[in-house]
Protein backbone atom coordinates (compact mmCIF):
# COMPACT_ATOMS: atom_id res chain seq x y z
CA UNK A 1 -65.04 -35.21 -42.72
CA UNK A 2 -63.36 -36.14 -46.01
CA UNK A 3 -62.79 -33.52 -48.66
CA UNK A 4 -65.02 -33.75 -51.73
CA UNK A 5 -63.23 -34.81 -54.93
CA UNK A 6 -64.75 -31.90 -56.88
CA UNK A 7 -63.45 -29.45 -54.29
CA UNK A 8 -59.98 -30.97 -54.54
CA UNK A 9 -60.13 -30.71 -58.33
CA UNK A 10 -61.11 -27.06 -57.98
CA UNK A 11 -58.11 -26.51 -55.71
CA UNK A 12 -55.80 -28.13 -58.26
CA UNK A 13 -57.25 -26.02 -61.10
CA UNK A 14 -56.65 -22.78 -59.21
CA UNK A 15 -53.16 -23.83 -58.10
CA UNK A 16 -52.10 -24.95 -61.58
CA UNK A 17 -53.56 -21.93 -63.35
CA UNK A 18 -52.24 -19.42 -60.82
CA UNK A 19 -55.54 -17.79 -59.94
CA UNK A 20 -59.31 -18.11 -59.72
CA UNK A 21 -60.09 -16.41 -63.03
CA UNK A 22 -57.51 -18.49 -64.89
CA UNK A 23 -58.67 -21.66 -63.12
CA UNK A 24 -62.24 -20.93 -64.15
CA UNK A 25 -61.17 -20.60 -67.77
CA UNK A 26 -59.27 -23.89 -67.58
CA UNK A 27 -62.27 -25.74 -66.15
CA UNK A 28 -64.96 -23.94 -68.17
CA UNK A 29 -66.55 -22.98 -64.85
CA UNK A 30 -66.93 -19.76 -62.92
CA UNK A 31 -64.50 -18.10 -60.57
CA UNK A 32 -67.24 -17.87 -57.93
CA UNK A 33 -67.84 -21.64 -58.07
CA UNK A 34 -64.12 -22.29 -57.62
CA UNK A 35 -64.02 -19.80 -54.76
CA UNK A 36 -66.89 -21.58 -53.01
CA UNK A 37 -65.16 -24.95 -53.43
CA UNK A 38 -61.94 -23.53 -51.96
CA UNK A 39 -63.90 -22.04 -49.05
CA UNK A 40 -65.40 -25.46 -48.29
CA UNK A 41 -61.94 -27.06 -48.33
CA UNK A 42 -60.52 -24.35 -46.08
CA UNK A 43 -63.36 -24.90 -43.61
CA UNK A 44 -62.89 -28.67 -43.62
CA UNK A 45 -59.11 -28.48 -43.28
CA UNK A 46 -59.01 -25.53 -40.90
CA UNK A 47 -56.35 -23.72 -42.92
CA UNK A 48 -56.20 -20.95 -45.48
CA UNK A 49 -55.13 -22.37 -48.85
CA UNK A 50 -54.49 -19.18 -50.84
CA UNK A 51 -53.62 -15.58 -49.93
């Protein structure tokens, strides 16, 4: 299954900002929405992306 573009963008926002809260501010979204997107990516890829 291919990763969703929105989930990849969420990953990039968190990585660039250095955290979920900061990523949420940068995207004008919520930390919980970013967390859910990262969880989906981790499930699809079978790896943990952040500590």
